[in-house]
N, C-alpha and C. Protein backbone atom coordinates (compact mmCIF):
# COMPACT_ATOMS: atom_id res chain seq x y z
N MET A 1 0.84 -1.18 0.00
CA MET A 1 0.00 0.00 0.00
C MET A 1 0.88 1.25 0.00
N LEU A 2 0.52 2.23 -0.83
CA LEU A 2 1.27 3.46 -0.90
C LEU A 2 0.98 4.34 0.30
N VAL A 3 1.98 5.08 0.70
CA VAL A 3 1.82 6.02 1.81
C VAL A 3 1.18 7.29 1.25
N LEU A 4 0.14 7.75 1.90
CA LEU A 4 -0.53 8.98 1.49
C LEU A 4 0.20 10.16 2.10
N THR A 5 0.77 10.99 1.24
CA THR A 5 1.48 12.17 1.73
C THR A 5 0.47 13.29 2.02
N THR A 6 0.91 14.26 2.76
CA THR A 6 0.05 15.41 3.05
C THR A 6 -0.32 16.13 1.76
N GLU A 7 0.63 16.29 0.87
CA GLU A 7 0.35 16.96 -0.40
C GLU A 7 -0.66 16.18 -1.23
N ALA A 8 -0.52 14.87 -1.29
CA ALA A 8 -1.47 14.04 -2.05
C ALA A 8 -2.86 14.10 -1.43
N ALA A 9 -2.94 14.10 -0.10
CA ALA A 9 -4.23 14.19 0.57
C ALA A 9 -4.90 15.53 0.29
N LEU A 10 -4.11 16.59 0.29
CA LEU A 10 -4.66 17.91 -0.01
C LEU A 10 -5.13 17.99 -1.46
N ASN A 11 -4.42 17.33 -2.37
CA ASN A 11 -4.86 17.28 -3.77
C ASN A 11 -6.20 16.58 -3.90
N ILE A 12 -6.38 15.50 -3.17
CA ILE A 12 -7.67 14.78 -3.17
C ILE A 12 -8.77 15.70 -2.67
N LEU A 13 -8.50 16.40 -1.58
CA LEU A 13 -9.48 17.32 -1.01
C LEU A 13 -9.80 18.46 -1.98
N ILE A 14 -8.80 18.99 -2.65
CA ILE A 14 -8.99 20.05 -3.64
C ILE A 14 -9.90 19.56 -4.77
N ASP A 15 -9.61 18.36 -5.27
CA ASP A 15 -10.45 17.79 -6.34
C ASP A 15 -11.89 17.62 -5.88
N TRP A 16 -12.08 17.15 -4.66
CA TRP A 16 -13.42 16.94 -4.11
C TRP A 16 -14.16 18.27 -3.96
N LEU A 17 -13.47 19.28 -3.42
CA LEU A 17 -14.09 20.60 -3.27
C LEU A 17 -14.46 21.17 -4.64
N GLN A 18 -13.58 21.01 -5.62
CA GLN A 18 -13.86 21.51 -6.96
C GLN A 18 -15.07 20.80 -7.57
N ASP A 19 -15.16 19.49 -7.35
CA ASP A 19 -16.34 18.74 -7.82
C ASP A 19 -17.61 19.27 -7.16
N ASN A 20 -17.55 19.56 -5.86
CA ASN A 20 -18.70 20.13 -5.17
C ASN A 20 -19.12 21.45 -5.81
N ILE A 21 -18.14 22.28 -6.13
CA ILE A 21 -18.42 23.58 -6.75
C ILE A 21 -19.04 23.36 -8.13
N ASP A 22 -18.43 22.48 -8.92
CA ASP A 22 -18.93 22.22 -10.28
C ASP A 22 -20.35 21.66 -10.29
N CYS A 23 -20.67 20.87 -9.27
CA CYS A 23 -22.01 20.26 -9.17
C CYS A 23 -22.99 21.15 -8.42
N GLU A 24 -22.53 22.35 -8.05
CA GLU A 24 -23.36 23.30 -7.29
C GLU A 24 -23.93 22.67 -6.02
N SER A 25 -23.07 21.95 -5.32
CA SER A 25 -23.45 21.31 -4.06
C SER A 25 -23.81 22.38 -3.03
N GLY A 26 -24.80 22.10 -2.24
CA GLY A 26 -25.20 23.01 -1.18
C GLY A 26 -24.59 22.66 0.16
N LEU A 27 -23.55 21.82 0.15
CA LEU A 27 -22.92 21.35 1.38
C LEU A 27 -22.30 22.52 2.15
N ILE A 28 -22.69 22.65 3.41
CA ILE A 28 -22.15 23.68 4.31
C ILE A 28 -21.35 22.96 5.38
N PHE A 29 -20.14 23.46 5.67
CA PHE A 29 -19.22 22.77 6.56
C PHE A 29 -19.29 23.21 8.02
N ASP A 30 -19.91 24.35 8.29
CA ASP A 30 -19.89 24.79 9.68
C ASP A 30 -21.30 25.01 10.24
N ASN A 31 -21.94 26.08 9.88
CA ASN A 31 -23.26 26.36 10.45
C ASN A 31 -24.05 27.25 9.49
N ASP A 32 -25.32 27.41 9.80
CA ASP A 32 -26.20 28.19 8.92
C ASP A 32 -25.88 29.69 8.95
N GLU A 33 -25.18 30.13 9.96
CA GLU A 33 -24.85 31.55 10.07
C GLU A 33 -23.64 31.89 9.20
N ASP A 34 -22.54 31.12 9.35
CA ASP A 34 -21.31 31.40 8.60
C ASP A 34 -21.35 30.84 7.18
N ARG A 35 -22.01 29.69 7.00
CA ARG A 35 -22.23 29.07 5.70
C ARG A 35 -20.94 28.88 4.90
N THR A 36 -19.95 28.28 5.52
CA THR A 36 -18.69 27.99 4.83
C THR A 36 -18.91 26.82 3.88
N ASP A 37 -18.78 27.11 2.58
CA ASP A 37 -19.01 26.09 1.57
C ASP A 37 -17.71 25.75 0.85
N SER A 38 -17.80 24.89 -0.15
CA SER A 38 -16.62 24.43 -0.88
C SER A 38 -15.87 25.58 -1.55
N ALA A 39 -16.62 26.54 -2.11
CA ALA A 39 -15.98 27.67 -2.78
C ALA A 39 -15.18 28.53 -1.80
N THR A 40 -15.64 28.61 -0.56
CA THR A 40 -14.92 29.37 0.46
C THR A 40 -13.68 28.62 0.92
N LEU A 41 -13.79 27.30 1.07
CA LEU A 41 -12.66 26.51 1.56
C LEU A 41 -11.57 26.29 0.52
N LEU A 42 -11.95 26.19 -0.75
CA LEU A 42 -10.99 25.81 -1.79
C LEU A 42 -9.71 26.64 -1.80
N PRO A 43 -9.77 27.97 -1.79
CA PRO A 43 -8.52 28.75 -1.81
C PRO A 43 -7.64 28.49 -0.58
N CYS A 44 -8.26 28.26 0.56
CA CYS A 44 -7.49 27.99 1.78
C CYS A 44 -6.75 26.65 1.68
N ILE A 45 -7.42 25.65 1.14
CA ILE A 45 -6.80 24.33 0.99
C ILE A 45 -5.72 24.37 -0.08
N GLN A 46 -5.95 25.13 -1.15
CA GLN A 46 -4.92 25.29 -2.18
C GLN A 46 -3.68 25.96 -1.60
N GLN A 47 -3.88 26.97 -0.76
CA GLN A 47 -2.75 27.64 -0.13
C GLN A 47 -2.01 26.70 0.81
N ALA A 48 -2.76 25.90 1.55
CA ALA A 48 -2.13 24.93 2.45
C ALA A 48 -1.28 23.95 1.66
N ARG A 49 -1.80 23.46 0.51
CA ARG A 49 -1.03 22.55 -0.33
C ARG A 49 0.24 23.23 -0.84
N ASN A 50 0.12 24.49 -1.27
CA ASN A 50 1.30 25.22 -1.75
C ASN A 50 2.31 25.41 -0.63
N ASP A 51 1.85 25.67 0.58
CA ASP A 51 2.75 25.83 1.72
C ASP A 51 3.48 24.52 2.03
N VAL A 52 2.75 23.41 1.97
CA VAL A 52 3.37 22.10 2.21
C VAL A 52 4.41 21.81 1.13
N ARG A 53 4.08 22.13 -0.11
CA ARG A 53 5.01 21.92 -1.23
C ARG A 53 6.27 22.77 -1.05
N ASP A 54 6.08 24.05 -0.67
CA ASP A 54 7.23 24.93 -0.44
C ASP A 54 8.10 24.42 0.69
N LEU A 55 7.48 23.96 1.76
CA LEU A 55 8.23 23.43 2.89
C LEU A 55 9.05 22.21 2.48
N ARG A 56 8.44 21.32 1.68
CA ARG A 56 9.17 20.13 1.22
C ARG A 56 10.37 20.54 0.38
N HIS A 57 10.21 21.54 -0.49
CA HIS A 57 11.32 22.00 -1.32
C HIS A 57 12.43 22.61 -0.45
N LEU A 58 12.05 23.38 0.55
CA LEU A 58 13.05 23.97 1.44
C LEU A 58 13.80 22.88 2.22
N GLN A 59 13.08 21.84 2.63
CA GLN A 59 13.74 20.74 3.34
C GLN A 59 14.73 20.03 2.42
N LEU A 60 14.35 19.83 1.18
CA LEU A 60 15.26 19.19 0.21
C LEU A 60 16.49 20.05 -0.02
N LEU A 61 16.29 21.35 -0.18
CA LEU A 61 17.43 22.25 -0.37
C LEU A 61 18.35 22.24 0.85
N HIS A 62 17.76 22.24 2.02
CA HIS A 62 18.54 22.23 3.26
C HIS A 62 19.38 20.95 3.34
N ASN A 63 18.77 19.81 2.99
CA ASN A 63 19.49 18.53 3.05
C ASN A 63 20.59 18.45 2.01
N VAL A 64 20.40 19.06 0.85
CA VAL A 64 21.42 19.06 -0.21
C VAL A 64 22.60 19.92 0.21
N ASN A 65 22.33 21.01 0.89
CA ASN A 65 23.39 21.95 1.28
C ASN A 65 24.03 21.64 2.62
N LYS A 66 23.65 20.54 3.25
CA LYS A 66 24.28 20.15 4.52
C LYS A 66 25.73 19.74 4.26
N PRO A 67 26.60 20.16 5.17
CA PRO A 67 28.02 19.76 5.00
C PRO A 67 28.23 18.29 5.29
């Protein structure tokens, strides 16, 4: 079995949120007052994925430049 990385998991979540948006899903994640939906969450999850990707690249650079 393959290990699910954080980046891969975030990609799955991004695809799912995008499908919800494309299908005009009425799914609300928090409450009727705030009404956080897939369109609201998507940019946050995309940023989290980009941050994880940047961190992985920085870790690789750090390991390459170790004496």
